Amino acid sequence: MMIKLVNENSDVDTIFNGKNAIEKLLFLSKTDPGHLTDYIFSDINMPVMIECGFLTEYDDFKIDHLKTTHFYV
């Protein structure tokens, strides 16, 4: 992955659909809120849950109440 090539100390997770991403982010927000993701790179046509649904649920669940995560679609 290109990010690892630029900064080998990066912690990168790859999740292949929006539903699993929401589940992972909810888990992190409850168990380790200090380690929420800084960046989310996403496809508009994600399987299981498209980008609009993902962003709506992300906002509805108030996963990142400080609004520090940057989204790239």
N, C-alpha and C. Protein backbone atom coordinates (compact mmCIF):
# COMPACT_ATOMS: atom_id res chain seq x y z
N MET A 1 0.84 -1.17 0.00
CA MET A 1 0.00 0.00 0.00
C MET A 1 0.90 1.24 0.00
N MET A 2 0.52 2.23 -0.77
CA MET A 2 1.33 3.43 -0.96
C MET A 2 1.61 4.17 0.35
N ILE A 3 0.65 4.23 1.25
CA ILE A 3 0.84 4.95 2.51
C ILE A 3 1.98 4.33 3.30
N LYS A 4 2.05 3.02 3.34
CA LYS A 4 3.14 2.33 4.04
C LYS A 4 4.48 2.64 3.40
N LEU A 5 4.50 2.84 2.09
CA LEU A 5 5.76 3.18 1.42
C LEU A 5 6.24 4.56 1.83
N VAL A 6 5.32 5.48 2.04
CA VAL A 6 5.67 6.85 2.42
C VAL A 6 6.04 6.94 3.89
N ASN A 7 5.28 6.25 4.73
CA ASN A 7 5.53 6.28 6.17
C ASN A 7 5.34 4.88 6.73
N GLU A 8 6.43 4.17 6.91
CA GLU A 8 6.35 2.77 7.34
C GLU A 8 5.77 2.60 8.74
N ASN A 9 5.70 3.68 9.52
CA ASN A 9 5.14 3.61 10.87
C ASN A 9 3.62 3.80 10.88
N SER A 10 3.02 3.95 9.72
CA SER A 10 1.57 4.12 9.64
C SER A 10 0.86 2.83 9.99
N ASP A 11 -0.28 2.98 10.62
CA ASP A 11 -1.14 1.83 10.91
C ASP A 11 -2.30 1.91 9.91
N VAL A 12 -2.34 0.98 8.98
CA VAL A 12 -3.33 1.03 7.90
C VAL A 12 -4.24 -0.20 7.98
N ASP A 13 -5.55 0.05 8.01
CA ASP A 13 -6.54 -1.02 7.94
C ASP A 13 -7.22 -0.94 6.59
N THR A 14 -7.48 -2.08 6.00
CA THR A 14 -8.25 -2.13 4.76
C THR A 14 -9.55 -2.87 5.05
N ILE A 15 -10.64 -2.19 4.79
CA ILE A 15 -11.97 -2.77 5.01
C ILE A 15 -12.72 -2.64 3.69
N PHE A 16 -13.38 -3.71 3.30
CA PHE A 16 -13.90 -3.78 1.94
C PHE A 16 -15.36 -3.41 1.76
N ASN A 17 -16.07 -3.06 2.84
CA ASN A 17 -17.43 -2.56 2.64
C ASN A 17 -17.81 -1.61 3.77
N GLY A 18 -18.79 -0.77 3.49
CA GLY A 18 -19.19 0.28 4.42
C GLY A 18 -19.73 -0.23 5.73
N LYS A 19 -20.47 -1.34 5.71
CA LYS A 19 -21.03 -1.90 6.94
C LYS A 19 -19.92 -2.34 7.89
N ASN A 20 -18.93 -3.04 7.37
CA ASN A 20 -17.81 -3.47 8.22
C ASN A 20 -17.00 -2.27 8.72
N ALA A 21 -16.90 -1.24 7.91
CA ALA A 21 -16.18 -0.03 8.33
C ALA A 21 -16.90 0.62 9.51
N ILE A 22 -18.22 0.75 9.42
CA ILE A 22 -18.99 1.33 10.54
C ILE A 22 -18.81 0.49 11.80
N GLU A 23 -18.89 -0.83 11.66
CA GLU A 23 -18.72 -1.71 12.82
C GLU A 23 -17.35 -1.52 13.46
N LYS A 24 -16.31 -1.45 12.64
CA LYS A 24 -14.94 -1.27 13.16
C LYS A 24 -14.80 0.09 13.84
N LEU A 25 -15.33 1.14 13.21
CA LEU A 25 -15.22 2.48 13.78
C LEU A 25 -16.02 2.62 15.07
N LEU A 26 -17.20 2.00 15.13
CA LEU A 26 -17.98 2.01 16.38
C LEU A 26 -17.22 1.30 17.50
N PHE A 27 -16.62 0.16 17.18
CA PHE A 27 -15.81 -0.57 18.16
C PHE A 27 -14.66 0.30 18.68
N LEU A 28 -13.93 0.93 17.76
CA LEU A 28 -12.82 1.80 18.17
C LEU A 28 -13.30 2.99 18.99
N SER A 29 -14.42 3.58 18.60
CA SER A 29 -14.91 4.76 19.32
C SER A 29 -15.29 4.42 20.76
N LYS A 30 -15.68 3.17 21.00
CA LYS A 30 -16.07 2.76 22.36
C LYS A 30 -14.89 2.22 23.16
N THR A 31 -13.96 1.54 22.49
CA THR A 31 -12.87 0.89 23.23
C THR A 31 -11.58 1.69 23.27
N ASP A 32 -11.34 2.49 22.24
CA ASP A 32 -10.08 3.23 22.17
C ASP A 32 -10.26 4.52 21.37
N PRO A 33 -11.07 5.46 21.88
CA PRO A 33 -11.41 6.65 21.11
C PRO A 33 -10.21 7.52 20.74
N GLY A 34 -9.12 7.38 21.43
CA GLY A 34 -7.92 8.14 21.10
C GLY A 34 -7.22 7.66 19.84
N HIS A 35 -7.63 6.49 19.35
CA HIS A 35 -6.99 5.94 18.16
C HIS A 35 -7.95 5.81 16.98
N LEU A 36 -8.92 6.71 16.90
CA LEU A 36 -9.78 6.73 15.72
C LEU A 36 -8.94 7.12 14.51
N THR A 37 -9.43 6.76 13.36
CA THR A 37 -8.68 7.00 12.14
C THR A 37 -8.53 8.49 11.82
N ASP A 38 -7.40 8.84 11.23
CA ASP A 38 -7.18 10.22 10.78
C ASP A 38 -7.76 10.44 9.39
N TYR A 39 -7.70 9.40 8.56
CA TYR A 39 -8.13 9.52 7.16
C TYR A 39 -8.97 8.31 6.77
N ILE A 40 -10.01 8.55 5.99
CA ILE A 40 -10.81 7.48 5.40
C ILE A 40 -10.83 7.72 3.90
N PHE A 41 -10.32 6.74 3.16
CA PHE A 41 -10.37 6.76 1.70
C PHE A 41 -11.47 5.79 1.29
N SER A 42 -12.43 6.27 0.52
CA SER A 42 -13.61 5.47 0.26
C SER A 42 -14.03 5.54 -1.19
N ASP A 43 -14.74 4.50 -1.60
CA ASP A 43 -15.31 4.43 -2.94
C ASP A 43 -16.79 4.76 -2.85
N ILE A 44 -17.29 5.53 -3.78
CA ILE A 44 -18.71 5.90 -3.78
C ILE A 44 -19.61 4.69 -3.91
N ASN A 45 -19.16 3.65 -4.59
CA ASN A 45 -19.96 2.44 -4.81
C ASN A 45 -19.45 1.27 -3.98
N MET A 46 -19.24 1.49 -2.69
CA MET A 46 -18.79 0.41 -1.82
C MET A 46 -19.83 -0.71 -1.80
N PRO A 47 -19.36 -1.95 -1.69
CA PRO A 47 -20.33 -3.03 -1.55
C PRO A 47 -21.03 -2.97 -0.18
N VAL A 48 -22.21 -3.53 -0.11
CA VAL A 48 -23.04 -3.66 1.08
C VAL A 48 -23.66 -2.32 1.49
N MET A 49 -22.89 -1.26 1.58
CA MET A 49 -23.41 0.05 1.97
C MET A 49 -22.70 1.10 1.13
N ILE A 50 -23.45 1.85 0.31
CA ILE A 50 -22.80 2.85 -0.54
C ILE A 50 -22.33 4.03 0.30
N GLU A 51 -21.53 4.87 -0.31
CA GLU A 51 -20.89 6.00 0.39
C GLU A 51 -21.89 6.86 1.17
N CYS A 52 -23.03 7.21 0.57
CA CYS A 52 -24.01 8.07 1.28
C CYS A 52 -24.48 7.40 2.56
N GLY A 53 -24.79 6.11 2.50
CA GLY A 53 -25.22 5.39 3.69
C GLY A 53 -24.13 5.33 4.74
N PHE A 54 -22.90 5.13 4.28
CA PHE A 54 -21.77 5.09 5.20
C PHE A 54 -21.62 6.42 5.93
N LEU A 55 -21.62 7.51 5.17
CA LEU A 55 -21.45 8.83 5.78
C LEU A 55 -22.61 9.19 6.71
N THR A 56 -23.82 8.81 6.33
CA THR A 56 -24.99 9.08 7.17
C THR A 56 -24.88 8.33 8.49
N GLU A 57 -24.55 7.04 8.43
CA GLU A 57 -24.42 6.27 9.67
C GLU A 57 -23.24 6.77 10.50
N TYR A 58 -22.15 7.11 9.85
CA TYR A 58 -20.98 7.64 10.56
C TYR A 58 -21.40 8.88 11.36
N ASP A 59 -22.16 9.76 10.72
CA ASP A 59 -22.61 10.98 11.38
C ASP A 59 -23.67 10.69 12.44
N ASP A 60 -24.63 9.80 12.12
CA ASP A 60 -25.70 9.46 13.07
C ASP A 60 -25.16 8.86 14.36
N PHE A 61 -24.15 8.01 14.25
CA PHE A 61 -23.59 7.35 15.44
C PHE A 61 -22.61 8.25 16.19
N LYS A 62 -22.33 9.43 15.66
CA LYS A 62 -21.42 10.38 16.31
C LYS A 62 -20.09 9.70 16.66
N ILE A 63 -19.55 8.97 15.69
CA ILE A 63 -18.32 8.22 15.91
C ILE A 63 -17.15 9.14 16.21
N ASP A 64 -17.06 10.22 15.48
CA ASP A 64 -15.95 11.17 15.67
C ASP A 64 -16.53 12.51 16.10
N HIS A 65 -16.89 12.60 17.38
CA HIS A 65 -17.55 13.82 17.86
C HIS A 65 -16.65 15.05 17.79
N LEU A 66 -15.34 14.87 17.70
CA LEU A 66 -14.43 16.02 17.58
C LEU A 66 -14.21 16.43 16.12
N LYS A 67 -14.72 15.62 15.19
CA LYS A 67 -14.63 15.90 13.75
C LYS A 67 -13.18 16.04 13.29
N THR A 68 -12.34 15.08 13.67
CA THR A 68 -10.93 15.14 13.28
C THR A 68 -10.59 14.24 12.10
N THR A 69 -11.50 13.35 11.70
CA THR A 69 -11.25 12.44 10.59
C THR A 69 -11.46 13.16 9.26
N HIS A 70 -10.54 12.94 8.32
CA HIS A 70 -10.65 13.53 6.97
C HIS A 70 -11.12 12.44 6.02
N PHE A 71 -12.13 12.78 5.19
CA PHE A 71 -12.67 11.82 4.23
C PHE A 71 -12.21 12.16 2.82
N TYR A 72 -11.85 11.13 2.08
CA TYR A 72 -11.50 11.26 0.67
C TYR A 72 -12.29 10.24 -0.11
N VAL A 73 -13.09 10.69 -1.06
CA VAL A 73 -13.92 9.79 -1.86
C VAL A 73 -13.36 9.70 -3.27
